[in-house]
Amino acid sequence: MWDISWLTFMLLFLASYRLTRLIVFDEITAFLRRPFVEERFHTDETGAIYAVIDEKGGRFHAFMRKLLTCYWCVGVWSAAAVGAAYLLIPAIAYPLVLVLAIAGAAGILESFVKG
């Protein structure tokens, strides 16, 4: 069995967290969600921006919409992809894992600083 240190686990954890948020929420990956959902952004009275998601299409679109907008679902697939890539092709995956982990940690830190 593969032996993973705590540091490696934390890197994989943060990388899968960031990849999940990238797929589900970030505007840069909206092109993946666009065929299946209609996203509109609104600002409330406190200045917070939130997304309103309208459904598109039939059963296939509903399946893909759930697959791409369900944080828990995408989280499982992201963790599986990050973990498998790291274990099977570590020389290629490690730089990507490191970048995603640093970005994930920065995002978590920002949420505490921003309050």
Protein backbone atom coordinates (compact mmCIF):
# COMPACT_ATOMS: atom_id res chain seq x y z
CA MET A 1 0.00 0.00 0.00
CA TRP A 2 1.12 3.56 -0.60
CA ASP A 3 2.51 5.44 2.37
CA ILE A 4 1.46 9.09 2.50
CA SER A 5 2.93 11.51 5.03
CA TRP A 6 0.82 14.10 6.83
CA LEU A 7 2.40 16.85 4.74
CA THR A 8 1.52 15.02 1.53
CA PHE A 9 -2.01 14.43 2.81
CA MET A 10 -2.41 18.14 3.57
CA LEU A 11 -1.15 19.07 0.10
CA LEU A 12 -3.61 16.63 -1.51
CA PHE A 13 -6.40 17.85 0.76
CA LEU A 14 -5.81 21.51 -0.11
CA ALA A 15 -5.35 20.73 -3.80
CA SER A 16 -8.63 18.80 -4.03
CA TYR A 17 -10.39 21.57 -2.08
CA ARG A 18 -9.13 24.21 -4.51
CA LEU A 19 -9.90 22.10 -7.60
CA THR A 20 -13.45 21.56 -6.32
CA ARG A 21 -14.01 25.28 -5.78
CA LEU A 22 -12.47 25.98 -9.18
CA ILE A 23 -14.94 23.69 -10.93
CA VAL A 24 -18.07 24.55 -8.92
CA PHE A 25 -17.74 28.28 -8.26
CA ASP A 26 -15.01 30.10 -10.15
CA GLU A 27 -15.82 32.28 -13.12
CA ILE A 28 -12.81 30.98 -15.05
CA THR A 29 -14.54 27.57 -15.35
CA ALA A 30 -18.01 28.95 -16.09
CA PHE A 31 -17.59 27.68 -19.65
CA LEU A 32 -17.85 24.13 -18.24
CA ARG A 33 -21.15 24.90 -16.47
CA ARG A 34 -22.65 27.24 -19.10
CA PRO A 35 -24.19 24.54 -21.33
CA PHE A 36 -26.08 23.16 -18.33
CA VAL A 37 -26.90 26.16 -16.13
CA GLU A 38 -27.69 29.81 -16.52
CA GLU A 39 -25.73 31.80 -13.93
CA ARG A 40 -26.68 35.34 -13.01
CA PHE A 41 -24.82 37.35 -10.38
CA HIS A 42 -26.53 39.77 -8.01
CA THR A 43 -25.31 42.09 -5.28
CA ASP A 44 -27.34 42.28 -2.07
CA GLU A 45 -27.76 45.30 0.22
CA THR A 46 -24.56 44.43 2.12
CA GLY A 47 -22.51 44.36 -1.07
CA ALA A 48 -22.12 40.57 -1.12
CA ILE A 49 -22.25 39.02 -4.58
CA TYR A 50 -24.24 35.83 -4.99
CA ALA A 51 -25.10 33.63 -7.94
CA VAL A 52 -28.58 32.66 -9.05
CA ILE A 53 -28.62 29.43 -11.04
CA ASP A 54 -31.41 28.69 -13.51
CA GLU A 55 -31.85 25.21 -14.92
CA LYS A 56 -31.49 24.35 -18.62
CA GLY A 57 -32.43 21.33 -20.71
CA GLY A 58 -33.68 17.82 -20.02
CA ARG A 59 -32.44 14.81 -18.06
CA PHE A 60 -28.89 14.80 -19.40
CA HIS A 61 -28.55 18.51 -18.67
CA ALA A 62 -30.00 17.95 -15.17
CA PHE A 63 -27.45 15.19 -14.53
CA MET A 64 -24.54 17.30 -15.76
CA ARG A 65 -25.83 20.35 -13.84
CA LYS A 66 -25.86 18.35 -10.62
CA LEU A 67 -22.45 16.90 -11.41
CA LEU A 68 -20.91 20.34 -11.99
CA THR A 69 -22.68 22.35 -9.28
CA CYS A 70 -22.84 19.87 -6.39
CA TYR A 71 -19.92 20.74 -4.13
CA TRP A 72 -19.91 17.30 -2.49
CA CYS A 73 -20.11 15.43 -5.81
CA VAL A 74 -17.33 17.41 -7.45
CA GLY A 75 -15.32 17.11 -4.24
CA VAL A 76 -15.33 13.31 -4.44
CA TRP A 77 -14.26 13.33 -8.09
CA SER A 78 -11.64 16.02 -7.49
CA ALA A 79 -10.16 14.12 -4.56
CA ALA A 80 -10.10 10.92 -6.63
CA ALA A 81 -8.44 12.66 -9.57
CA VAL A 82 -5.86 14.50 -7.46
CA GLY A 83 -5.07 11.42 -5.38
CA ALA A 84 -4.83 9.07 -8.36
CA ALA A 85 -2.68 11.51 -10.33
CA TYR A 86 -0.34 11.98 -7.38
CA LEU A 87 0.00 8.22 -6.76
CA LEU A 88 0.23 7.13 -10.40
CA ILE A 89 2.19 9.97 -12.05
CA PRO A 90 3.78 11.92 -9.18
CA ALA A 91 6.44 13.66 -11.28
CA ILE A 92 3.75 15.28 -13.42
CA ALA A 93 1.08 15.73 -10.74
CA TYR A 94 3.24 17.19 -7.95
CA PRO A 95 3.70 20.68 -9.47
CA LEU A 96 -0.05 20.96 -10.10
CA VAL A 97 -0.87 19.64 -6.62
CA LEU A 98 1.54 22.16 -5.10
CA VAL A 99 0.03 25.11 -7.00
CA LEU A 100 -3.54 24.06 -6.17
CA ALA A 101 -2.61 23.48 -2.51
CA ILE A 102 -1.00 26.91 -2.16
CA ALA A 103 -4.01 28.54 -3.86
CA GLY A 104 -6.37 26.57 -1.60
CA ALA A 105 -4.51 27.63 1.54
CA ALA A 106 -4.49 31.24 0.33
CA GLY A 107 -8.24 31.07 -0.28
CA ILE A 108 -8.90 29.71 3.20
CA LEU A 109 -6.67 32.38 4.74
CA GLU A 110 -8.44 35.09 2.72
CA SER A 111 -11.83 33.97 4.04
CA PHE A 112 -10.55 34.46 7.61
CA VAL A 113 -8.94 37.82 6.86
CA LYS A 114 -11.97 39.09 4.97
CA GLY A 115 -14.17 38.02 7.85
